[in-house]
Amino acid sequence: MSARLLFRSRAVRFVVLIAVLALVAWVAAAAYVCVCGLTSPYERADLAVVFGNALEDDGTPKPILAARLDVALQCYRAGECPRVFVSGSIDGPGLDEAGAMRTYLLARGVPDDRIVVDRAGDNTLATARNAVAYMREQGLSRVLLVSQYYHLPRARFAFEEAGAPRVYGAYPRAFRFMDLYSSWREVPALAVYRVRLGLNADARPVSFRPVLFLMGLVGLGK
């Protein structure tokens, strides 16, 4: 084997080794994120915060969001969280996440004055800051985050960085095949949060909603 071929062979083996190690590290990190989410402490709270998610075409919550709302509903009915903070964004005409969440809870017996609607929570950090600001206004200290288990570590980190004194977590007890992909996606998402907020605790929440952007251009988003 010539020196050139030998060099190429070693280079290929090195690249493959690095790729395998990176993959193993990513899988381990995803598993760690999932374990942290699954073992999130659950305690009685002053406020349950439900993170928004996708809606059906008719504007009603899709199953993943309905499952989150059911967790918060169970908490409310048990007297463990007297207020529910629903946080989402407007994804287009008739697609008001927070409004749909409010309607869902109202239809199941939660009084309107027990529901706090946040239509500016179009990402995790924005929801955290909006909810913590509300908690400060109301003198609340204990918050229960309701989301998918793999999202809870990042959500808890965002709330702690925003200044929430006591942060707990709850999640729907159901596994979906998409959880495998979502847990992998949470690894870089959590890493970005830790780096950005570590460098600047006041880093601005970043989100881009293409439909809202287009509506704004034609004056429909006001």
N, C-alpha and C. Protein backbone atom coordinates (compact mmCIF):
# COMPACT_ATOMS: atom_id res chain seq x y z
N MET A 1 0.85 -1.20 0.00
CA MET A 1 0.00 0.00 0.00
C MET A 1 0.89 1.25 0.00
N SER A 2 0.58 2.16 -0.91
CA SER A 2 1.37 3.38 -1.00
C SER A 2 1.13 4.26 0.21
N ALA A 3 2.04 5.22 0.42
CA ALA A 3 1.92 6.13 1.57
C ALA A 3 0.63 6.94 1.47
N ARG A 4 0.26 7.32 0.23
CA ARG A 4 -0.96 8.12 0.06
C ARG A 4 -2.20 7.32 0.44
N LEU A 5 -2.26 6.06 -0.01
CA LEU A 5 -3.41 5.22 0.31
C LEU A 5 -3.47 4.93 1.81
N LEU A 6 -2.30 4.74 2.42
CA LEU A 6 -2.25 4.48 3.85
C LEU A 6 -2.76 5.69 4.63
N PHE A 7 -2.35 6.88 4.19
CA PHE A 7 -2.81 8.11 4.84
C PHE A 7 -4.32 8.26 4.73
N ARG A 8 -4.85 7.98 3.52
CA ARG A 8 -6.29 8.09 3.31
C ARG A 8 -7.04 7.09 4.18
N SER A 9 -6.52 5.89 4.27
CA SER A 9 -7.16 4.85 5.07
C SER A 9 -7.22 5.25 6.54
N ARG A 10 -6.10 5.78 7.04
CA ARG A 10 -6.06 6.21 8.44
C ARG A 10 -6.99 7.41 8.66
N ALA A 11 -7.03 8.32 7.69
CA ALA A 11 -7.90 9.49 7.81
C ALA A 11 -9.37 9.07 7.86
N VAL A 12 -9.73 8.11 7.02
CA VAL A 12 -11.11 7.62 7.00
C VAL A 12 -11.46 6.96 8.33
N ARG A 13 -10.53 6.12 8.84
CA ARG A 13 -10.78 5.46 10.12
C ARG A 13 -10.92 6.49 11.24
N PHE A 14 -10.12 7.56 11.19
CA PHE A 14 -10.19 8.61 12.21
C PHE A 14 -11.53 9.33 12.15
N VAL A 15 -11.97 9.65 10.94
CA VAL A 15 -13.27 10.34 10.78
C VAL A 15 -14.40 9.46 11.27
N VAL A 16 -14.35 8.17 10.92
CA VAL A 16 -15.38 7.24 11.37
C VAL A 16 -15.39 7.13 12.89
N LEU A 17 -14.21 7.07 13.48
CA LEU A 17 -14.10 6.98 14.94
C LEU A 17 -14.71 8.21 15.60
N ILE A 18 -14.39 9.39 15.09
CA ILE A 18 -14.93 10.63 15.64
C ILE A 18 -16.45 10.64 15.51
N ALA A 19 -16.96 10.20 14.36
CA ALA A 19 -18.41 10.18 14.13
C ALA A 19 -19.10 9.23 15.11
N VAL A 20 -18.49 8.07 15.32
CA VAL A 20 -19.07 7.09 16.25
C VAL A 20 -19.06 7.64 17.67
N LEU A 21 -17.95 8.24 18.08
CA LEU A 21 -17.87 8.80 19.43
C LEU A 21 -18.88 9.93 19.62
N ALA A 22 -19.04 10.76 18.59
CA ALA A 22 -20.01 11.85 18.67
C ALA A 22 -21.43 11.29 18.78
N LEU A 23 -21.71 10.24 18.02
CA LEU A 23 -23.03 9.62 18.07
C LEU A 23 -23.31 9.03 19.45
N VAL A 24 -22.32 8.34 20.00
CA VAL A 24 -22.47 7.74 21.32
C VAL A 24 -22.70 8.83 22.37
N ALA A 25 -21.93 9.92 22.26
CA ALA A 25 -22.10 11.02 23.22
C ALA A 25 -23.48 11.64 23.10
N TRP A 26 -23.97 11.79 21.87
CA TRP A 26 -25.29 12.39 21.65
C TRP A 26 -26.38 11.50 22.24
N VAL A 27 -26.26 10.20 22.00
CA VAL A 27 -27.25 9.25 22.54
C VAL A 27 -27.23 9.28 24.07
N ALA A 28 -26.04 9.31 24.64
CA ALA A 28 -25.92 9.36 26.10
C ALA A 28 -26.53 10.64 26.66
N ALA A 29 -26.28 11.75 25.98
CA ALA A 29 -26.84 13.03 26.43
C ALA A 29 -28.35 13.03 26.32
N ALA A 30 -28.89 12.46 25.25
CA ALA A 30 -30.34 12.39 25.08
C ALA A 30 -30.96 11.52 26.17
N ALA A 31 -30.29 10.42 26.49
CA ALA A 31 -30.79 9.55 27.56
C ALA A 31 -30.78 10.28 28.89
N TYR A 32 -29.73 11.05 29.13
CA TYR A 32 -29.63 11.83 30.37
C TYR A 32 -30.75 12.86 30.46
N VAL A 33 -31.02 13.55 29.35
CA VAL A 33 -32.10 14.53 29.32
C VAL A 33 -33.44 13.86 29.65
N CYS A 34 -33.67 12.70 29.06
CA CYS A 34 -34.92 11.99 29.30
C CYS A 34 -35.05 11.56 30.77
N VAL A 35 -33.97 11.04 31.33
CA VAL A 35 -33.99 10.61 32.73
C VAL A 35 -34.27 11.81 33.64
N CYS A 36 -33.62 12.93 33.36
CA CYS A 36 -33.85 14.13 34.17
C CYS A 36 -35.30 14.58 34.08
N GLY A 37 -35.88 14.49 32.89
CA GLY A 37 -37.27 14.87 32.74
C GLY A 37 -38.22 13.92 33.44
N LEU A 38 -37.96 12.63 33.29
CA LEU A 38 -38.82 11.62 33.90
C LEU A 38 -38.78 11.64 35.43
N THR A 39 -37.68 12.14 35.97
CA THR A 39 -37.52 12.18 37.43
C THR A 39 -37.73 13.59 37.99
N SER A 40 -38.33 14.47 37.20
CA SER A 40 -38.60 15.82 37.69
C SER A 40 -39.47 15.76 38.94
N PRO A 41 -39.14 16.54 39.96
CA PRO A 41 -39.95 16.53 41.19
C PRO A 41 -41.35 17.09 40.95
N TYR A 42 -42.33 16.45 41.56
CA TYR A 42 -43.71 16.92 41.45
C TYR A 42 -44.18 17.32 42.84
N GLU A 43 -44.59 18.57 42.97
CA GLU A 43 -45.05 19.08 44.25
C GLU A 43 -46.26 20.00 44.01
N ARG A 44 -47.00 20.24 45.08
CA ARG A 44 -48.07 21.21 45.03
C ARG A 44 -47.49 22.57 44.64
N ALA A 45 -48.17 23.31 43.76
CA ALA A 45 -47.63 24.57 43.26
C ALA A 45 -48.70 25.67 43.28
N ASP A 46 -48.24 26.90 43.20
CA ASP A 46 -49.15 28.03 43.12
C ASP A 46 -49.71 28.19 41.70
N LEU A 47 -48.95 27.70 40.74
CA LEU A 47 -49.28 27.93 39.34
C LEU A 47 -48.79 26.76 38.50
N ALA A 48 -49.64 26.29 37.59
CA ALA A 48 -49.22 25.30 36.60
C ALA A 48 -49.04 26.02 35.27
N VAL A 49 -47.90 25.83 34.64
CA VAL A 49 -47.63 26.45 33.35
C VAL A 49 -47.66 25.38 32.27
N VAL A 50 -48.57 25.54 31.31
CA VAL A 50 -48.68 24.58 30.22
C VAL A 50 -48.08 25.20 28.97
N PHE A 51 -47.10 24.53 28.41
CA PHE A 51 -46.44 25.02 27.19
C PHE A 51 -47.28 24.66 25.97
N GLY A 52 -47.40 25.62 25.07
CA GLY A 52 -48.20 25.40 23.86
C GLY A 52 -47.58 24.40 22.91
N ASN A 53 -48.40 23.97 21.97
CA ASN A 53 -47.97 23.04 20.94
C ASN A 53 -48.94 23.15 19.77
N ALA A 54 -48.82 22.25 18.83
CA ALA A 54 -49.58 22.37 17.59
C ALA A 54 -51.09 22.23 17.78
N LEU A 55 -51.82 22.89 16.87
CA LEU A 55 -53.28 22.83 16.85
C LEU A 55 -53.75 22.13 15.58
N GLU A 56 -54.96 21.59 15.65
CA GLU A 56 -55.60 21.03 14.46
C GLU A 56 -55.99 22.18 13.53
N ASP A 57 -56.40 21.84 12.31
CA ASP A 57 -56.79 22.86 11.36
C ASP A 57 -58.00 23.66 11.84
N ASP A 58 -58.83 23.04 12.69
CA ASP A 58 -60.00 23.76 13.20
C ASP A 58 -59.68 24.59 14.45
N GLY A 59 -58.39 24.63 14.84
CA GLY A 59 -57.99 25.46 15.96
C GLY A 59 -58.06 24.79 17.31
N THR A 60 -58.39 23.51 17.36
CA THR A 60 -58.43 22.79 18.63
C THR A 60 -57.08 22.12 18.88
N PRO A 61 -56.74 21.84 20.16
CA PRO A 61 -55.44 21.24 20.46
C PRO A 61 -55.25 19.86 19.84
N LYS A 62 -54.08 19.63 19.28
CA LYS A 62 -53.74 18.29 18.82
C LYS A 62 -53.51 17.40 20.04
N PRO A 63 -53.47 16.08 19.85
CA PRO A 63 -53.36 15.16 20.99
C PRO A 63 -52.22 15.47 21.96
N ILE A 64 -51.05 15.87 21.47
CA ILE A 64 -49.92 16.13 22.37
C ILE A 64 -50.23 17.31 23.30
N LEU A 65 -50.88 18.34 22.77
CA LEU A 65 -51.23 19.50 23.60
C LEU A 65 -52.41 19.17 24.51
N ALA A 66 -53.38 18.41 24.00
CA ALA A 66 -54.51 18.00 24.84
C ALA A 66 -54.03 17.18 26.03
N ALA A 67 -53.01 16.34 25.79
CA ALA A 67 -52.47 15.52 26.89
C ALA A 67 -51.83 16.39 27.96
N ARG A 68 -51.13 17.44 27.55
CA ARG A 68 -50.55 18.37 28.52
C ARG A 68 -51.65 19.05 29.33
N LEU A 69 -52.68 19.49 28.63
CA LEU A 69 -53.78 20.18 29.31
C LEU A 69 -54.48 19.25 30.29
N ASP A 70 -54.58 17.98 29.94
CA ASP A 70 -55.21 17.01 30.85
C ASP A 70 -54.38 16.84 32.12
N VAL A 71 -53.06 16.91 31.99
CA VAL A 71 -52.20 16.84 33.18
C VAL A 71 -52.47 18.03 34.09
N ALA A 72 -52.53 19.22 33.50
CA ALA A 72 -52.81 20.42 34.28
C ALA A 72 -54.22 20.37 34.87
N LEU A 73 -55.16 19.83 34.13
CA LEU A 73 -56.54 19.71 34.60
C LEU A 73 -56.61 18.79 35.81
N GLN A 74 -55.90 17.69 35.75
CA GLN A 74 -55.85 16.76 36.88
C GLN A 74 -55.25 17.44 38.11
N CYS A 75 -54.20 18.21 37.90
CA CYS A 75 -53.56 18.94 38.98
C CYS A 75 -54.54 19.96 39.59
N TYR A 76 -55.25 20.67 38.75
CA TYR A 76 -56.20 21.67 39.23
C TYR A 76 -57.32 21.00 40.03
N ARG A 77 -57.87 19.93 39.49
CA ARG A 77 -58.99 19.25 40.16
C ARG A 77 -58.57 18.64 41.50
N ALA A 78 -57.30 18.29 41.61
CA ALA A 78 -56.80 17.71 42.86
C ALA A 78 -56.47 18.80 43.89
N GLY A 79 -56.63 20.06 43.49
CA GLY A 79 -56.33 21.16 44.39
C GLY A 79 -54.85 21.40 44.57
N GLU A 80 -54.03 20.89 43.64
CA GLU A 80 -52.58 21.01 43.76
C GLU A 80 -52.00 22.18 42.98
N CYS A 81 -52.80 22.81 42.13
CA CYS A 81 -52.37 24.01 41.41
C CYS A 81 -53.62 24.84 41.11
N PRO A 82 -53.89 25.86 41.91
CA PRO A 82 -55.13 26.62 41.81
C PRO A 82 -55.23 27.52 40.59
N ARG A 83 -54.13 27.77 39.90
CA ARG A 83 -54.17 28.59 38.69
C ARG A 83 -53.40 27.89 37.57
N VAL A 84 -53.88 28.10 36.34
CA VAL A 84 -53.23 27.49 35.18
C VAL A 84 -52.82 28.59 34.21
N PHE A 85 -51.55 28.62 33.88
CA PHE A 85 -50.97 29.61 32.97
C PHE A 85 -50.76 28.92 31.62
N VAL A 86 -51.55 29.29 30.62
CA VAL A 86 -51.43 28.66 29.30
C VAL A 86 -50.64 29.59 28.39
N SER A 87 -49.57 29.08 27.83
CA SER A 87 -48.64 29.92 27.09
C SER A 87 -48.38 29.36 25.69
N GLY A 88 -48.60 30.20 24.70
CA GLY A 88 -48.36 29.79 23.32
C GLY A 88 -48.30 31.01 22.43
N SER A 89 -48.49 30.78 21.15
CA SER A 89 -48.40 31.89 20.21
C SER A 89 -49.54 31.78 19.20
N ILE A 90 -49.58 32.72 18.29
CA ILE A 90 -50.56 32.70 17.22
C ILE A 90 -49.83 32.26 15.96
N ASP A 91 -50.18 31.09 15.44
CA ASP A 91 -49.46 30.52 14.30
C ASP A 91 -50.10 30.85 12.97
N GLY A 92 -51.20 31.57 13.01
CA GLY A 92 -51.89 31.92 11.77
C GLY A 92 -53.35 32.19 12.06
N PRO A 93 -54.14 32.54 11.04
CA PRO A 93 -55.56 32.81 11.24
C PRO A 93 -56.28 31.62 11.89
N GLY A 94 -56.90 31.85 13.03
CA GLY A 94 -57.64 30.79 13.72
C GLY A 94 -56.77 29.83 14.49
N LEU A 95 -55.46 30.07 14.54
CA LEU A 95 -54.54 29.15 15.23
C LEU A 95 -53.89 29.86 16.42
N ASP A 96 -54.69 30.12 17.42
CA ASP A 96 -54.27 30.80 18.65
C ASP A 96 -54.06 29.73 19.71
N GLU A 97 -52.80 29.35 19.94
CA GLU A 97 -52.49 28.26 20.86
C GLU A 97 -53.03 28.53 22.26
N ALA A 98 -52.69 29.69 22.82
CA ALA A 98 -53.10 29.99 24.19
C ALA A 98 -54.62 30.08 24.29
N GLY A 99 -55.25 30.68 23.27
CA GLY A 99 -56.71 30.78 23.27
C GLY A 99 -57.38 29.42 23.20
N ALA A 100 -56.82 28.52 22.40
CA ALA A 100 -57.37 27.17 22.28
C ALA A 100 -57.20 26.41 23.59
N MET A 101 -56.09 26.63 24.28
CA MET A 101 -55.85 25.98 25.56
C MET A 101 -56.85 26.47 26.61
N ARG A 102 -57.10 27.77 26.60
CA ARG A 102 -58.09 28.34 27.52
C ARG A 102 -59.46 27.74 27.26
N THR A 103 -59.87 27.66 26.00
CA THR A 103 -61.17 27.10 25.64
C THR A 103 -61.29 25.65 26.10
N TYR A 104 -60.22 24.90 25.94
CA TYR A 104 -60.19 23.49 26.34
C TYR A 104 -60.44 23.35 27.84
N LEU A 105 -59.76 24.18 28.62
CA LEU A 105 -59.90 24.12 30.07
C LEU A 105 -61.27 24.61 30.53
N LEU A 106 -61.78 25.67 29.89
CA LEU A 106 -63.11 26.18 30.24
C LEU A 106 -64.18 25.11 30.02
N ALA A 107 -64.05 24.39 28.93
CA ALA A 107 -65.03 23.35 28.60
C ALA A 107 -65.00 22.21 29.59
N ARG A 108 -63.96 22.11 30.37
CA ARG A 108 -63.82 21.02 31.34
C ARG A 108 -63.92 21.52 32.78
N GLY A 109 -64.48 22.69 32.94
CA GLY A 109 -64.86 23.15 34.26
C GLY A 109 -63.91 24.06 35.00
N VAL A 110 -62.81 24.47 34.35
CA VAL A 110 -61.90 25.39 35.02
C VAL A 110 -62.45 26.81 34.86
N PRO A 111 -62.69 27.53 35.95
CA PRO A 111 -63.23 28.90 35.85
C PRO A 111 -62.28 29.82 35.10
N ASP A 112 -62.86 30.78 34.40
CA ASP A 112 -62.05 31.69 33.60
C ASP A 112 -61.05 32.48 34.45
N ASP A 113 -61.45 32.81 35.69
CA ASP A 113 -60.54 33.60 36.53
C ASP A 113 -59.41 32.77 37.12
N ARG A 114 -59.40 31.48 36.83
CA ARG A 114 -58.31 30.60 37.27
C ARG A 114 -57.33 30.33 36.13
N ILE A 115 -57.61 30.90 34.95
CA ILE A 115 -56.77 30.67 33.78
C ILE A 115 -56.07 31.97 33.39
N VAL A 116 -54.76 31.90 33.22
CA VAL A 116 -53.97 33.05 32.78
C VAL A 116 -53.50 32.77 31.35
N VAL A 117 -53.79 33.67 30.43
CA VAL A 117 -53.49 33.46 29.02
C VAL A 117 -52.27 34.29 28.60
N ASP A 118 -51.28 33.61 28.05
CA ASP A 118 -50.06 34.27 27.57
C ASP A 118 -49.89 33.96 26.08
N ARG A 119 -50.23 34.92 25.24
CA ARG A 119 -50.12 34.72 23.78
C ARG A 119 -48.74 35.10 23.25
N ALA A 120 -47.84 35.51 24.13
CA ALA A 120 -46.50 35.91 23.70
C ALA A 120 -45.46 34.83 23.99
N GLY A 121 -45.90 33.67 24.41
CA GLY A 121 -44.96 32.59 24.73
C GLY A 121 -44.67 31.73 23.53
N ASP A 122 -43.98 32.29 22.54
CA ASP A 122 -43.73 31.53 21.32
C ASP A 122 -42.45 30.71 21.37
N ASN A 123 -41.78 30.68 22.52
CA ASN A 123 -40.67 29.74 22.74
C ASN A 123 -40.51 29.55 24.24
N THR A 124 -39.69 28.60 24.62
CA THR A 124 -39.56 28.22 26.03
C THR A 124 -39.08 29.38 26.90
N LEU A 125 -38.07 30.10 26.43
CA LEU A 125 -37.53 31.19 27.23
C LEU A 125 -38.54 32.32 27.40
N ALA A 126 -39.28 32.62 26.34
CA ALA A 126 -40.30 33.66 26.43
C ALA A 126 -41.38 33.27 27.43
N THR A 127 -41.81 32.03 27.38
CA THR A 127 -42.81 31.55 28.34
C THR A 127 -42.29 31.66 29.76
N ALA A 128 -41.04 31.27 29.97
CA ALA A 128 -40.44 31.34 31.31
C ALA A 128 -40.45 32.76 31.84
N ARG A 129 -40.00 33.69 31.04
CA ARG A 129 -39.93 35.08 31.50
C ARG A 129 -41.31 35.68 31.72
N ASN A 130 -42.25 35.36 30.84
CA ASN A 130 -43.60 35.88 31.00
C ASN A 130 -44.27 35.31 32.26
N ALA A 131 -44.08 34.02 32.49
CA ALA A 131 -44.70 33.37 33.64
C ALA A 131 -44.06 33.86 34.94
N VAL A 132 -42.75 33.99 34.97
CA VAL A 132 -42.07 34.45 36.18
C VAL A 132 -42.46 35.89 36.49
N ALA A 133 -42.62 36.72 35.46
CA ALA A 133 -43.07 38.10 35.68
C ALA A 133 -44.46 38.10 36.33
N TYR A 134 -45.33 37.22 35.85
CA TYR A 134 -46.67 37.11 36.45
C TYR A 134 -46.58 36.63 37.89
N MET A 135 -45.72 35.66 38.15
CA MET A 135 -45.55 35.16 39.51
C MET A 135 -45.10 36.26 40.46
N ARG A 136 -44.19 37.09 40.01
CA ARG A 136 -43.72 38.19 40.85
C ARG A 136 -44.84 39.17 41.15
N GLU A 137 -45.65 39.47 40.13
CA GLU A 137 -46.77 40.40 40.32
C GLU A 137 -47.77 39.86 41.35
N GLN A 138 -47.95 38.55 41.34
CA GLN A 138 -48.95 37.92 42.21
C GLN A 138 -48.38 37.39 43.52
N GLY A 139 -47.08 37.52 43.70
CA GLY A 139 -46.46 37.02 44.92
C GLY A 139 -46.42 35.50 45.01
N LEU A 140 -46.25 34.83 43.87
CA LEU A 140 -46.21 33.37 43.83
C LEU A 140 -44.77 32.88 43.81
N SER A 141 -44.54 31.68 44.33
CA SER A 141 -43.17 31.17 44.38
C SER A 141 -43.01 29.75 43.86
N ARG A 142 -44.09 28.99 43.76
CA ARG A 142 -43.98 27.59 43.37
C ARG A 142 -44.69 27.38 42.03
N VAL A 143 -43.95 26.85 41.06
CA VAL A 143 -44.51 26.68 39.72
C VAL A 143 -44.32 25.24 39.25
N LEU A 144 -45.36 24.70 38.64
CA LEU A 144 -45.33 23.35 38.08
C LEU A 144 -45.34 23.47 36.56
N LEU A 145 -44.30 23.00 35.90
CA LEU A 145 -44.22 23.06 34.45
C LEU A 145 -44.82 21.81 33.85
N VAL A 146 -45.68 21.99 32.86
CA VAL A 146 -46.35 20.86 32.22
C VAL A 146 -45.95 20.82 30.75
N SER A 147 -45.22 19.77 30.39
CA SER A 147 -44.76 19.61 29.01
C SER A 147 -44.40 18.15 28.81
N GLN A 148 -43.76 17.82 27.68
CA GLN A 148 -43.27 16.46 27.49
C GLN A 148 -42.03 16.28 28.36
N TYR A 149 -41.77 15.06 28.78
CA TYR A 149 -40.70 14.80 29.75
C TYR A 149 -39.34 15.24 29.23
N TYR A 150 -39.10 15.08 27.93
CA TYR A 150 -37.78 15.43 27.39
C TYR A 150 -37.59 16.95 27.33
N HIS A 151 -38.67 17.71 27.37
CA HIS A 151 -38.59 19.17 27.32
C HIS A 151 -38.42 19.77 28.70
N LEU A 152 -38.77 19.05 29.73
CA LEU A 152 -38.76 19.61 31.08
C LEU A 152 -37.38 20.10 31.55
N PRO A 153 -36.27 19.39 31.28
CA PRO A 153 -34.98 19.91 31.75
C PRO A 153 -34.67 21.31 31.20
N ARG A 154 -34.91 21.53 29.93
CA ARG A 154 -34.66 22.85 29.35
C ARG A 154 -35.64 23.88 29.90
N ALA A 155 -36.90 23.47 30.05
CA ALA A 155 -37.90 24.38 30.59
C ALA A 155 -37.56 24.77 32.03
N ARG A 156 -37.16 23.79 32.84
CA ARG A 156 -36.80 24.09 34.22
C ARG A 156 -35.59 25.02 34.28
N PHE A 157 -34.61 24.78 33.42
CA PHE A 157 -33.44 25.64 33.39
C PHE A 157 -33.84 27.08 33.05
N ALA A 158 -34.72 27.23 32.05
CA ALA A 158 -35.16 28.57 31.65
C ALA A 158 -35.88 29.27 32.79
N PHE A 159 -36.73 28.54 33.52
CA PHE A 159 -37.46 29.15 34.63
C PHE A 159 -36.51 29.51 35.78
N GLU A 160 -35.58 28.65 36.06
CA GLU A 160 -34.62 28.94 37.14
C GLU A 160 -33.78 30.16 36.79
N GLU A 161 -33.35 30.26 35.53
CA GLU A 161 -32.58 31.41 35.10
C GLU A 161 -33.42 32.68 35.12
N ALA A 162 -34.73 32.53 34.90
CA ALA A 162 -35.62 33.69 34.92
C ALA A 162 -35.93 34.14 36.34
N GLY A 163 -35.58 33.31 37.34
CA GLY A 163 -35.75 33.71 38.73
C GLY A 163 -36.86 33.03 39.49
N ALA A 164 -37.44 31.94 38.95
CA ALA A 164 -38.48 31.21 39.67
C ALA A 164 -37.85 30.52 40.88
N PRO A 165 -38.38 30.74 42.09
CA PRO A 165 -37.77 30.16 43.31
C PRO A 165 -37.85 28.64 43.38
N ARG A 166 -39.03 28.09 43.07
CA ARG A 166 -39.21 26.64 43.18
C ARG A 166 -39.90 26.13 41.92
N VAL A 167 -39.22 25.22 41.23
CA VAL A 167 -39.71 24.75 39.94
C VAL A 167 -39.91 23.24 39.97
N TYR A 168 -41.10 22.80 39.60
CA TYR A 168 -41.42 21.37 39.56
C TYR A 168 -41.85 21.00 38.14
N GLY A 169 -42.10 19.74 37.90
CA GLY A 169 -42.46 19.32 36.55
C GLY A 169 -43.46 18.19 36.52
N ALA A 170 -44.27 18.16 35.47
CA ALA A 170 -45.23 17.08 35.25
C ALA A 170 -45.35 16.87 33.75
N TYR A 171 -45.69 15.67 33.34
CA TYR A 171 -45.73 15.35 31.92
C TYR A 171 -46.78 14.27 31.65
N PRO A 172 -47.29 14.20 30.42
CA PRO A 172 -48.24 13.13 30.05
C PRO A 172 -47.55 11.76 30.12
N ARG A 173 -48.24 10.79 30.69
CA ARG A 173 -47.65 9.45 30.84
C ARG A 173 -47.92 8.62 29.60
N ALA A 174 -47.35 9.06 28.50
CA ALA A 174 -47.52 8.34 27.24
C ALA A 174 -46.25 8.49 26.43
N PHE A 175 -45.89 7.44 25.71
CA PHE A 175 -44.70 7.46 24.87
C PHE A 175 -45.13 7.46 23.41
N ARG A 176 -44.50 8.32 22.63
CA ARG A 176 -44.73 8.37 21.19
C ARG A 176 -43.42 8.07 20.47
N PHE A 177 -43.52 7.49 19.30
CA PHE A 177 -42.31 7.18 18.53
C PHE A 177 -41.52 8.45 18.26
N MET A 178 -42.21 9.58 18.06
CA MET A 178 -41.54 10.85 17.80
C MET A 178 -40.70 11.32 18.99
N ASP A 179 -40.94 10.75 20.17
CA ASP A 179 -40.14 11.14 21.34
C ASP A 179 -38.65 10.85 21.12
N LEU A 180 -38.35 9.83 20.34
CA LEU A 180 -36.96 9.49 20.07
C LEU A 180 -36.26 10.64 19.35
N TYR A 181 -36.92 11.15 18.32
CA TYR A 181 -36.36 12.29 17.60
C TYR A 181 -36.32 13.54 18.48
N SER A 182 -37.41 13.78 19.20
CA SER A 182 -37.52 14.99 20.01
C SER A 182 -36.47 15.02 21.12
N SER A 183 -36.19 13.86 21.71
CA SER A 183 -35.17 13.83 22.77
C SER A 183 -33.79 14.11 22.21
N TRP A 184 -33.50 13.65 21.00
CA TRP A 184 -32.23 13.97 20.35
C TRP A 184 -32.14 15.47 20.08
N ARG A 185 -33.25 16.06 19.65
CA ARG A 185 -33.27 17.49 19.33
C ARG A 185 -33.06 18.34 20.57
N GLU A 186 -33.48 17.83 21.72
CA GLU A 186 -33.34 18.59 22.96
C GLU A 186 -31.89 18.75 23.39
N VAL A 187 -31.01 17.86 22.95
CA VAL A 187 -29.60 17.94 23.36
C VAL A 187 -28.97 19.25 22.89
N PRO A 188 -28.99 19.56 21.59
CA PRO A 188 -28.41 20.85 21.17
C PRO A 188 -29.23 22.03 21.67
N ALA A 189 -30.56 21.87 21.79
CA ALA A 189 -31.41 22.97 22.27
C ALA A 189 -31.03 23.35 23.70
N LEU A 190 -30.84 22.35 24.56
CA LEU A 190 -30.45 22.62 25.94
C LEU A 190 -29.05 23.21 26.00
N ALA A 191 -28.15 22.68 25.15
CA ALA A 191 -26.77 23.21 25.12
C ALA A 191 -26.76 24.68 24.72
N VAL A 192 -27.57 25.03 23.73
CA VAL A 192 -27.64 26.43 23.28
C VAL A 192 -28.17 27.32 24.40
N TYR A 193 -29.19 26.86 25.11
CA TYR A 193 -29.74 27.64 26.22
C TYR A 193 -28.67 27.88 27.28
N ARG A 194 -27.95 26.84 27.62
CA ARG A 194 -26.94 26.98 28.68
C ARG A 194 -25.82 27.93 28.26
N VAL A 195 -25.42 27.86 27.01
CA VAL A 195 -24.36 28.73 26.53
C VAL A 195 -24.86 30.17 26.44
N ARG A 196 -26.02 30.38 25.81
CA ARG A 196 -26.54 31.74 25.62
C ARG A 196 -26.81 32.42 26.95
N LEU A 197 -27.51 31.72 27.85
CA LEU A 197 -27.85 32.34 29.13
C LEU A 197 -26.64 32.41 30.04
N GLY A 198 -25.68 31.51 29.83
CA GLY A 198 -24.46 31.59 30.61
C GLY A 198 -23.64 32.82 30.25
N LEU A 199 -23.65 33.16 28.97
CA LEU A 199 -22.91 34.33 28.51
C LEU A 199 -23.68 35.62 28.77
N ASN A 200 -25.00 35.53 28.69
CA ASN A 200 -25.83 36.72 28.88
C ASN A 200 -27.17 36.30 29.46
N ALA A 201 -27.35 36.54 30.76
CA ALA A 201 -28.59 36.12 31.43
C ALA A 201 -29.82 36.82 30.87
N ASP A 202 -29.61 37.95 30.20
CA ASP A 202 -30.72 38.71 29.63
C ASP A 202 -30.87 38.49 28.13
N ALA A 203 -30.31 37.41 27.62
CA ALA A 203 -30.38 37.13 26.19
C ALA A 203 -31.83 37.13 25.73
N ARG A 204 -32.07 37.74 24.58
CA ARG A 204 -33.43 37.88 24.08
C ARG A 204 -33.93 36.54 23.54
N PRO A 205 -35.18 36.17 23.87
CA PRO A 205 -35.75 34.95 23.29
C PRO A 205 -35.79 35.06 21.77
N VAL A 206 -35.39 34.02 21.08
CA VAL A 206 -35.36 34.04 19.63
C VAL A 206 -36.35 33.03 19.09
N SER A 207 -37.22 33.52 18.22
CA SER A 207 -38.20 32.64 17.59
C SER A 207 -38.62 33.26 16.28
N PHE A 208 -38.95 32.41 15.32
CA PHE A 208 -39.42 32.93 14.05
C PHE A 208 -40.66 32.16 13.63
N ARG A 209 -41.77 32.88 13.49
CA ARG A 209 -43.02 32.29 13.05
C ARG A 209 -43.32 32.81 11.65
N PRO A 210 -43.10 32.01 10.61
CA PRO A 210 -43.24 32.50 9.24
C PRO A 210 -44.64 33.02 8.92
N VAL A 211 -45.68 32.35 9.43
CA VAL A 211 -47.04 32.79 9.13
C VAL A 211 -47.30 34.15 9.76
N LEU A 212 -46.90 34.30 11.03
CA LEU A 212 -47.07 35.60 11.69
C LEU A 212 -46.30 36.69 10.96
N PHE A 213 -45.10 36.36 10.48
CA PHE A 213 -44.30 37.34 9.77
C PHE A 213 -45.01 37.81 8.52
N LEU A 214 -45.57 36.88 7.76
CA LEU A 214 -46.29 37.23 6.54
C LEU A 214 -47.55 38.03 6.85
N MET A 215 -48.25 37.64 7.94
CA MET A 215 -49.44 38.38 8.33
C MET A 215 -49.08 39.82 8.69
N GLY A 216 -47.95 39.98 9.37
CA GLY A 216 -47.51 41.31 9.75
C GLY A 216 -47.22 42.18 8.54
N LEU A 217 -46.67 41.56 7.48
CA LEU A 217 -46.34 42.33 6.28
C LEU A 217 -47.57 42.91 5.62
N VAL A 218 -48.69 42.17 5.72
CA VAL A 218 -49.92 42.65 5.06
C VAL A 218 -50.87 43.29 6.04
N GLY A 219 -50.40 43.50 7.29
CA GLY A 219 -51.22 44.22 8.25
C GLY A 219 -52.28 43.40 8.96
N LEU A 220 -52.19 42.05 8.90
CA LEU A 220 -53.20 41.20 9.52
C LEU A 220 -52.76 40.75 10.90
N GLY A 221 -51.52 40.99 11.28
CA GLY A 221 -51.03 40.49 12.55
C GLY A 221 -51.20 41.47 13.68
N LYS A 222 -51.84 42.60 13.43
CA LYS A 222 -52.00 43.63 14.47
C LYS A 222 -53.25 43.39 15.27
